[in-house]
PDB file of N, CA and C in Angstrom:
ATOM      1  N   MET A   1       0.840  -1.171  -0.001  1.00  0.00           N
ATOM      2  CA  MET A   1       0.003  -0.001   0.005  1.00  0.00           C
ATOM      3  C   MET A   1       0.889   1.241   0.001  1.00  0.00           C
ATOM      4  N   PRO A   2       1.628   1.491  -1.074  1.00  0.00           N
ATOM      5  CA  PRO A   2       2.577   2.607  -1.114  1.00  0.00           C
ATOM      6  C   PRO A   2       1.954   3.981  -0.907  1.00  0.00           C
ATOM      7  N   ALA A   3       0.725   4.209  -1.403  1.00  0.00           N
ATOM      8  CA  ALA A   3       0.094   5.518  -1.269  1.00  0.00           C
ATOM      9  C   ALA A   3      -0.628   5.669   0.060  1.00  0.00           C
ATOM     10  N   GLY A   4      -0.725   4.583   0.836  1.00  0.00           N
ATOM     11  CA  GLY A   4      -1.402   4.657   2.108  1.00  0.00           C
ATOM     12  C   GLY A   4      -2.870   4.334   2.043  1.00  0.00           C
ATOM     13  N   PHE A   5      -3.360   3.924   0.874  1.00  0.00           N
ATOM     14  CA  PHE A   5      -4.767   3.540   0.751  1.00  0.00           C
ATOM     15  C   PHE A   5      -4.942   2.607  -0.431  1.00  0.00           C
ATOM     16  N   GLU A   6      -6.073   1.965  -0.448  1.00  0.00           N
ATOM     17  CA  GLU A   6      -6.454   1.073  -1.546  1.00  0.00           C
ATOM     18  C   GLU A   6      -7.797   1.516  -2.089  1.00  0.00           C
ATOM     19  N   ILE A   7      -8.032   1.234  -3.341  1.00  0.00           N
ATOM     20  CA  ILE A   7      -9.315   1.496  -3.977  1.00  0.00           C
ATOM     21  C   ILE A   7      -9.926   0.151  -4.341  1.00  0.00           C
ATOM     22  N   LEU A   8     -11.200  -0.002  -4.051  1.00  0.00           N
ATOM     23  CA  LEU A   8     -11.934  -1.191  -4.444  1.00  0.00           C
ATOM     24  C   LEU A   8     -13.213  -0.750  -5.116  1.00  0.00           C
ATOM     25  N   GLY A   9     -13.421  -1.168  -6.338  1.00  0.00           N
ATOM     26  CA  GLY A   9     -14.663  -0.869  -7.060  1.00  0.00           C
ATOM     27  C   GLY A   9     -15.561  -2.084  -7.040  1.00  0.00           C
ATOM     28  N   VAL A  10     -16.833  -1.874  -6.761  1.00  0.00           N
ATOM     29  CA  VAL A  10     -17.815  -2.963  -6.736  1.00  0.00           C
ATOM     30  C   VAL A  10     -18.940  -2.593  -7.684  1.00  0.00           C
ATOM     31  N   ASP A  11     -19.227  -3.467  -8.616  1.00  0.00           N
ATOM     32  CA  ASP A  11     -20.272  -3.241  -9.597  1.00  0.00           C
ATOM     33  C   ASP A  11     -21.427  -4.192  -9.338  1.00  0.00           C
ATOM     34  N   ALA A  12     -22.629  -3.719  -9.580  1.00  0.00           N
ATOM     35  CA  ALA A  12     -23.814  -4.574  -9.524  1.00  0.00           C
ATOM     36  C   ALA A  12     -24.661  -4.254 -10.750  1.00  0.00           C
ATOM     37  N   GLY A  13     -25.159  -5.245 -11.383  1.00  0.00           N
ATOM     38  CA  GLY A  13     -26.073  -5.005 -12.498  1.00  0.00           C
ATOM     39  C   GLY A  13     -25.459  -5.187 -13.872  1.00  0.00           C
ATOM     40  N   ASP A  14     -24.164  -5.107 -13.979  1.00  0.00           N
ATOM     41  CA  ASP A  14     -23.519  -5.315 -15.271  1.00  0.00           C
ATOM     42  C   ASP A  14     -23.031  -6.752 -15.364  1.00  0.00           C
ATOM     43  N   SER A  15     -22.930  -7.244 -16.580  1.00  0.00           N
ATOM     44  CA  SER A  15     -22.357  -8.581 -16.772  1.00  0.00           C
ATOM     45  C   SER A  15     -20.846  -8.486 -16.558  1.00  0.00           C
ATOM     46  N   GLU A  16     -20.229  -9.626 -16.337  1.00  0.00           N
ATOM     47  CA  GLU A  16     -18.776  -9.643 -16.160  1.00  0.00           C
ATOM     48  C   GLU A  16     -18.073  -9.118 -17.414  1.00  0.00           C
ATOM     49  N   GLU A  17     -18.601  -9.468 -18.586  1.00  0.00           N
ATOM     50  CA  GLU A  17     -18.020  -9.004 -19.844  1.00  0.00           C
ATOM     51  C   GLU A  17     -18.093  -7.475 -19.950  1.00  0.00           C
ATOM     52  N   ARG A  18     -19.230  -6.915 -19.615  1.00  0.00           N
ATOM     53  CA  ARG A  18     -19.386  -5.445 -19.683  1.00  0.00           C
ATOM     54  C   ARG A  18     -18.468  -4.758 -18.674  1.00  0.00           C
ATOM     55  N   LEU A  19     -18.349  -5.322 -17.482  1.00  0.00           N
ATOM     56  CA  LEU A  19     -17.453  -4.757 -16.470  1.00  0.00           C
ATOM     57  C   LEU A  19     -16.002  -4.796 -16.949  1.00  0.00           C
ATOM     58  N   ARG A  20     -15.590  -5.923 -17.520  1.00  0.00           N
ATOM     59  CA  ARG A  20     -14.208  -6.027 -18.038  1.00  0.00           C
ATOM     60  C   ARG A  20     -13.952  -4.984 -19.129  1.00  0.00           C
ATOM     61  N   SER A  21     -14.917  -4.793 -20.016  1.00  0.00           N
ATOM     62  CA  SER A  21     -14.775  -3.791 -21.078  1.00  0.00           C
ATOM     63  C   SER A  21     -14.634  -2.398 -20.483  1.00  0.00           C
ATOM     64  N   PHE A  22     -15.442  -2.087 -19.474  1.00  0.00           N
ATOM     65  CA  PHE A  22     -15.401  -0.772 -18.811  1.00  0.00           C
ATOM     66  C   PHE A  22     -14.030  -0.554 -18.157  1.00  0.00           C
ATOM     67  N   VAL A  23     -13.549  -1.561 -17.441  1.00  0.00           N
ATOM     68  CA  VAL A  23     -12.247  -1.458 -16.766  1.00  0.00           C
ATOM     69  C   VAL A  23     -11.142  -1.225 -17.791  1.00  0.00           C
ATOM     70  N   THR A  24     -11.193  -1.934 -18.904  1.00  0.00           N
ATOM     71  CA  THR A  24     -10.188  -1.768 -19.952  1.00  0.00           C
ATOM     72  C   THR A  24     -10.291  -0.392 -20.596  1.00  0.00           C
ATOM     73  N   GLU A  25     -11.508   0.013 -20.942  1.00  0.00           N
ATOM     74  CA  GLU A  25     -11.729   1.308 -21.598  1.00  0.00           C
ATOM     75  C   GLU A  25     -11.263   2.468 -20.725  1.00  0.00           C
ATOM     76  N   LYS A  26     -11.581   2.420 -19.439  1.00  0.00           N
ATOM     77  CA  LYS A  26     -11.249   3.508 -18.523  1.00  0.00           C
ATOM     78  C   LYS A  26      -9.858   3.376 -17.922  1.00  0.00           C
ATOM     79  N   LYS A  27      -9.176   2.261 -18.254  1.00  0.00           N
ATOM     80  CA  LYS A  27      -7.809   2.011 -17.764  1.00  0.00           C
ATOM     81  C   LYS A  27      -7.730   2.052 -16.239  1.00  0.00           C
ATOM     82  N   LEU A  28      -8.714   1.408 -15.594  1.00  0.00           N
ATOM     83  CA  LEU A  28      -8.735   1.364 -14.134  1.00  0.00           C
ATOM     84  C   LEU A  28      -7.606   0.452 -13.659  1.00  0.00           C
ATOM     85  N   THR A  29      -6.878   0.901 -12.669  1.00  0.00           N
ATOM     86  CA  THR A  29      -5.733   0.131 -12.183  1.00  0.00           C
ATOM     87  C   THR A  29      -5.978  -0.483 -10.816  1.00  0.00           C
ATOM     88  N   TRP A  30      -7.132  -0.225 -10.231  1.00  0.00           N
ATOM     89  CA  TRP A  30      -7.441  -0.789  -8.927  1.00  0.00           C
ATOM     90  C   TRP A  30      -8.320  -2.025  -9.071  1.00  0.00           C
ATOM     91  N   VAL A  31      -8.503  -2.710  -7.960  1.00  0.00           N
ATOM     92  CA  VAL A  31      -9.326  -3.913  -7.928  1.00  0.00           C
ATOM     93  C   VAL A  31     -10.774  -3.539  -8.205  1.00  0.00           C
ATOM     94  N   GLN A  32     -11.373  -4.239  -9.132  1.00  0.00           N
ATOM     95  CA  GLN A  32     -12.779  -4.025  -9.494  1.00  0.00           C
ATOM     96  C   GLN A  32     -13.451  -5.387  -9.478  1.00  0.00           C
ATOM     97  N   THR A  33     -14.548  -5.499  -8.764  1.00  0.00           N
ATOM     98  CA  THR A  33     -15.279  -6.764  -8.686  1.00  0.00           C
ATOM     99  C   THR A  33     -16.761  -6.512  -8.879  1.00  0.00           C
ATOM    100  N   ARG A  34     -17.536  -7.558  -8.945  1.00  0.00           N
ATOM    101  CA  ARG A  34     -18.976  -7.398  -9.095  1.00  0.00           C
ATOM    102  C   ARG A  34     -19.669  -8.381  -8.171  1.00  0.00           C
ATOM    103  N   GLU A  35     -20.849  -7.990  -7.733  1.00  0.00           N
ATOM    104  CA  GLU A  35     -21.697  -8.872  -6.948  1.00  0.00           C
ATOM    105  C   GLU A  35     -23.131  -8.428  -7.135  1.00  0.00           C
ATOM    106  N   GLU A  36     -24.062  -9.287  -6.814  1.00  0.00           N
ATOM    107  CA  GLU A  36     -25.466  -8.955  -6.901  1.00  0.00           C
ATOM    108  C   GLU A  36     -25.811  -7.911  -5.835  1.00  0.00           C
ATOM    109  N   GLU A  37     -26.895  -7.180  -6.052  1.00  0.00           N
ATOM    110  CA  GLU A  37     -27.268  -6.113  -5.122  1.00  0.00           C
ATOM    111  C   GLU A  37     -27.564  -6.616  -3.714  1.00  0.00           C
ATOM    112  N   SER A  38     -27.804  -7.904  -3.561  1.00  0.00           N
ATOM    113  CA  SER A  38     -28.045  -8.451  -2.235  1.00  0.00           C
ATOM    114  C   SER A  38     -26.783  -9.089  -1.660  1.00  0.00           C
ATOM    115  N   GLY A  39     -25.640  -8.817  -2.279  1.00  0.00           N
ATOM    116  CA  GLY A  39     -24.380  -9.419  -1.858  1.00  0.00           C
ATOM    117  C   GLY A  39     -23.873  -8.868  -0.532  1.00  0.00           C
ATOM    118  N   PRO A  40     -22.830  -9.484   0.015  1.00  0.00           N
ATOM    119  CA  PRO A  40     -22.328  -9.111   1.335  1.00  0.00           C
ATOM    120  C   PRO A  40     -21.782  -7.692   1.431  1.00  0.00           C
ATOM    121  N   ILE A  41     -21.152  -7.189   0.382  1.00  0.00           N
ATOM    122  CA  ILE A  41     -20.614  -5.825   0.437  1.00  0.00           C
ATOM    123  C   ILE A  41     -21.765  -4.829   0.467  1.00  0.00           C
ATOM    124  N   HIS A  42     -22.784  -5.048  -0.353  1.00  0.00           N
ATOM    125  CA  HIS A  42     -23.952  -4.170  -0.374  1.00  0.00           C
ATOM    126  C   HIS A  42     -24.654  -4.145   0.973  1.00  0.00           C
ATOM    127  N   ARG A  43     -24.804  -5.313   1.567  1.00  0.00           N
ATOM    128  CA  ARG A  43     -25.482  -5.382   2.876  1.00  0.00           C
ATOM    129  C   ARG A  43     -24.625  -4.737   3.963  1.00  0.00           C
ATOM    130  N   LEU A  44     -23.340  -5.024   3.953  1.00  0.00           N
ATOM    131  CA  LEU A  44     -22.446  -4.491   4.980  1.00  0.00           C
ATOM    132  C   LEU A  44     -22.447  -2.964   4.991  1.00  0.00           C
ATOM    133  N   TYR A  45     -22.379  -2.356   3.801  1.00  0.00           N
ATOM    134  CA  TYR A  45     -22.288  -0.897   3.717  1.00  0.00           C
ATOM    135  C   TYR A  45     -23.630  -0.233   3.431  1.00  0.00           C
ATOM    136  N   ARG A  46     -24.686  -1.012   3.350  1.00  0.00           N
ATOM    137  CA  ARG A  46     -26.035  -0.497   3.143  1.00  0.00           C
ATOM    138  C   ARG A  46     -26.122   0.441   1.940  1.00  0.00           C
ATOM    139  N   VAL A  47     -25.617  -0.036   0.819  1.00  0.00           N
ATOM    140  CA  VAL A  47     -25.613   0.750  -0.410  1.00  0.00           C
ATOM    141  C   VAL A  47     -27.065   0.965  -0.857  1.00  0.00           C
ATOM    142  N   GLN A  48     -27.421   2.228  -1.105  1.00  0.00           N
ATOM    143  CA  GLN A  48     -28.786   2.591  -1.477  1.00  0.00           C
ATOM    144  C   GLN A  48     -28.898   3.080  -2.927  1.00  0.00           C
ATOM    145  N   ALA A  49     -27.808   3.543  -3.497  1.00  0.00           N
ATOM    146  CA  ALA A  49     -27.842   4.115  -4.848  1.00  0.00           C
ATOM    147  C   ALA A  49     -26.502   3.887  -5.528  1.00  0.00           C
ATOM    148  N   TRP A  50     -26.498   4.072  -6.869  1.00  0.00           N
ATOM    149  CA  TRP A  50     -25.264   3.901  -7.641  1.00  0.00           C
ATOM    150  C   TRP A  50     -24.915   5.176  -8.356  1.00  0.00           C
ATOM    151  N   PRO A  51     -23.697   5.611  -8.364  1.00  0.00           N
ATOM    152  CA  PRO A  51     -22.609   5.051  -7.562  1.00  0.00           C
ATOM    153  C   PRO A  51     -22.656   5.582  -6.133  1.00  0.00           C
ATOM    154  N   THR A  52     -22.102   4.817  -5.218  1.00  0.00           N
ATOM    155  CA  THR A  52     -21.910   5.219  -3.833  1.00  0.00           C
ATOM    156  C   THR A  52     -20.431   5.082  -3.532  1.00  0.00           C
ATOM    157  N   TYR A  53     -19.871   6.063  -2.821  1.00  0.00           N
ATOM    158  CA  TYR A  53     -18.446   6.073  -2.518  1.00  0.00           C
ATOM    159  C   TYR A  53     -18.238   6.052  -1.013  1.00  0.00           C
ATOM    160  N   PHE A  54     -17.224   5.330  -0.599  1.00  0.00           N
ATOM    161  CA  PHE A  54     -16.840   5.290   0.809  1.00  0.00           C
ATOM    162  C   PHE A  54     -15.342   5.483   0.910  1.00  0.00           C
ATOM    163  N   LEU A  55     -14.911   6.343   1.808  1.00  0.00           N
ATOM    164  CA  LEU A  55     -13.494   6.426   2.195  1.00  0.00           C
ATOM    165  C   LEU A  55     -13.400   5.787   3.565  1.00  0.00           C
ATOM    166  N   ILE A  56     -12.575   4.778   3.654  1.00  0.00           N
ATOM    167  CA  ILE A  56     -12.443   4.027   4.899  1.00  0.00           C
ATOM    168  C   ILE A  56     -11.024   4.200   5.416  1.00  0.00           C
ATOM    169  N   GLY A  57     -10.898   4.651   6.651  1.00  0.00           N
ATOM    170  CA  GLY A  57      -9.592   4.875   7.251  1.00  0.00           C
ATOM    171  C   GLY A  57      -8.885   3.582   7.605  1.00  0.00           C
ATOM    172  N   ARG A  58      -7.624   3.688   7.964  1.00  0.00           N
ATOM    173  CA  ARG A  58      -6.841   2.515   8.334  1.00  0.00           C
ATOM    174  C   ARG A  58      -7.453   1.744   9.496  1.00  0.00           C
ATOM    175  N   ASP A  59      -8.209   2.434  10.327  1.00  0.00           N
ATOM    176  CA  ASP A  59      -8.842   1.776  11.470  1.00  0.00           C
ATOM    177  C   ASP A  59     -10.132   1.050  11.082  1.00  0.00           C
ATOM    178  N   GLY A  60     -10.489   1.090   9.791  1.00  0.00           N
ATOM    179  CA  GLY A  60     -11.686   0.407   9.319  1.00  0.00           C
ATOM    180  C   GLY A  60     -12.954   1.229   9.437  1.00  0.00           C
ATOM    181  N   MET A  61     -12.854   2.436   9.965  1.00  0.00           N
ATOM    182  CA  MET A  61     -14.024   3.298  10.128  1.00  0.00           C
ATOM    183  C   MET A  61     -14.259   4.103   8.848  1.00  0.00           C
ATOM    184  N   ILE A  62     -15.529   4.340   8.519  1.00  0.00           N
ATOM    185  CA  ILE A  62     -15.878   5.146   7.354  1.00  0.00           C
ATOM    186  C   ILE A  62     -15.581   6.603   7.678  1.00  0.00           C
ATOM    187  N   VAL A  63     -14.744   7.221   6.840  1.00  0.00           N
ATOM    188  CA  VAL A  63     -14.330   8.610   7.027  1.00  0.00           C
ATOM    189  C   VAL A  63     -15.273   9.556   6.288  1.00  0.00           C
ATOM    190  N   ALA A  64     -15.680   9.165   5.077  1.00  0.00           N
ATOM    191  CA  ALA A  64     -16.557  10.005   4.264  1.00  0.00           C
ATOM    192  C   ALA A  64     -17.330   9.117   3.303  1.00  0.00           C
ATOM    193  N   THR A  65     -18.508   9.592   2.919  1.00  0.00           N
ATOM    194  CA  THR A  65     -19.316   8.878   1.930  1.00  0.00           C
ATOM    195  C   THR A  65     -19.879   9.876   0.933  1.00  0.00           C
ATOM    196  N   GLY A  66     -20.296   9.357  -0.194  1.00  0.00           N
ATOM    197  CA  GLY A  66     -20.938  10.206  -1.191  1.00  0.00           C
ATOM    198  C   GLY A  66     -21.736   9.351  -2.152  1.00  0.00           C
ATOM    199  N   MET A  67     -22.740   9.943  -2.774  1.00  0.00           N
ATOM    200  CA  MET A  67     -23.534   9.254  -3.787  1.00  0.00           C
ATOM    201  C   MET A  67     -23.585  10.104  -5.035  1.00  0.00           C
ATOM    202  N   GLY A  68     -23.651   9.440  -6.170  1.00  0.00           N
ATOM    203  CA  GLY A  68     -23.692  10.162  -7.437  1.00  0.00           C
ATOM    204  C   GLY A  68     -22.360  10.825  -7.711  1.00  0.00           C
ATOM    205  N   PRO A  69     -22.379  11.927  -8.455  1.00  0.00           N
ATOM    206  CA  PRO A  69     -21.124  12.613  -8.756  1.00  0.00           C
ATOM    207  C   PRO A  69     -20.608  13.318  -7.502  1.00  0.00           C
ATOM    208  N   SER A  70     -19.839  12.620  -6.710  1.00  0.00           N
ATOM    209  CA  SER A  70     -19.322  13.168  -5.456  1.00  0.00           C
ATOM    210  C   SER A  70     -17.892  13.639  -5.612  1.00  0.00           C
ATOM    211  N   ASN A  71     -17.537  14.621  -4.806  1.00  0.00           N
ATOM    212  CA  ASN A  71     -16.160  15.075  -4.782  1.00  0.00           C
ATOM    213  C   ASN A  71     -15.543  14.695  -3.434  1.00  0.00           C
ATOM    214  N   LEU A  72     -14.897  13.555  -3.416  1.00  0.00           N
ATOM    215  CA  LEU A  72     -14.246  13.096  -2.193  1.00  0.00           C
ATOM    216  C   LEU A  72     -12.783  13.520  -2.151  1.00  0.00           C
ATOM    217  N   LEU A  73     -12.367  14.348  -3.110  1.00  0.00           N
ATOM    218  CA  LEU A  73     -10.968  14.765  -3.172  1.00  0.00           C
ATOM    219  C   LEU A  73     -10.500  15.454  -1.893  1.00  0.00           C
ATOM    220  N   PRO A  74     -11.243  16.412  -1.329  1.00  0.00           N
ATOM    221  CA  PRO A  74     -10.748  17.053  -0.096  1.00  0.00           C
ATOM    222  C   PRO A  74     -10.520  16.053   1.046  1.00  0.00           C
ATOM    223  N   GLU A  75     -11.442  15.111   1.216  1.00  0.00           N
ATOM    224  CA  GLU A  75     -11.285  14.114   2.272  1.00  0.00           C
ATOM    225  C   GLU A  75     -10.114  13.186   1.979  1.00  0.00           C
ATOM    226  N   THR A  76      -9.926  12.830   0.704  1.00  0.00           N
ATOM    227  CA  THR A  76      -8.817  11.964   0.312  1.00  0.00           C
ATOM    228  C   THR A  76      -7.487  12.666   0.579  1.00  0.00           C
ATOM    229  N   GLU A  77      -7.391  13.934   0.213  1.00  0.00           N
ATOM    230  CA  GLU A  77      -6.168  14.687   0.451  1.00  0.00           C
ATOM    231  C   GLU A  77      -5.867  14.773   1.939  1.00  0.00           C
ATOM    232  N   LYS A  78      -6.894  14.973   2.756  1.00  0.00           N
ATOM    233  CA  LYS A  78      -6.708  15.040   4.196  1.00  0.00           C
ATOM    234  C   LYS A  78      -6.175  13.714   4.737  1.00  0.00           C
ATOM    235  N   LEU A  79      -6.743  12.625   4.280  1.00  0.00           N
ATOM    236  CA  LEU A  79      -6.263  11.311   4.705  1.00  0.00           C
ATOM    237  C   LEU A  79      -4.813  11.080   4.301  1.00  0.00           C
ATOM    238  N   LEU A  80      -4.489  11.474   3.081  1.00  0.00           N
ATOM    239  CA  LEU A  80      -3.116  11.284   2.598  1.00  0.00           C
ATOM    240  C   LEU A  80      -2.118  12.102   3.411  1.00  0.00           C
ATOM    241  N   ARG A  81      -2.502  13.301   3.850  1.00  0.00           N
ATOM    242  CA  ARG A  81      -1.606  14.109   4.662  1.00  0.00           C
ATOM    243  C   ARG A  81      -1.282  13.419   5.990  1.00  0.00           C
ATOM    244  N   THR A  82      -2.237  12.665   6.529  1.00  0.00           N
ATOM    245  CA  THR A  82      -1.992  11.974   7.793  1.00  0.00           C
ATOM    246  C   THR A  82      -1.136  10.731   7.599  1.00  0.00           C
ATOM    247  N   VAL A  83      -1.137  10.165   6.376  1.00  0.00           N
ATOM    248  CA  VAL A  83      -0.378   8.955   6.090  1.00  0.00           C
ATOM    249  C   VAL A  83       1.046   9.288   5.682  1.00  0.00           C
ATOM    250  N   VAL A  84       1.212  10.297   4.856  1.00  0.00           N
ATOM    251  CA  VAL A  84       2.516  10.664   4.303  1.00  0.00           C
ATOM    252  C   VAL A  84       3.088  11.801   5.121  1.00  0.00           C
ATOM    253  N   LYS A  85       3.919  11.463   6.075  1.00  0.00           N
ATOM    254  CA  LYS A  85       4.560  12.481   6.905  1.00  0.00           C
ATOM    255  C   LYS A  85       6.046  12.316   6.889  1.00  0.00           C
TER     256      LYS A  85
END
């Protein structure tokens, strides 16, 4: 974890083929997976809409959330300042 954080993308509703095409097209470099809307990640984080974003601190606590076109950049920068000293 050189940057001090990890990104995990979770998709629901798309086929595996469509998800793979999207990851390739957008050149995503982080882990991207898919599960049904009733899957364990959806239930654990109580996802209500797509897209939903979560920033989770090293302690496992949710630091910030957002839905739709969210700007989590300020929170991400703040987290990075605490990691990179």
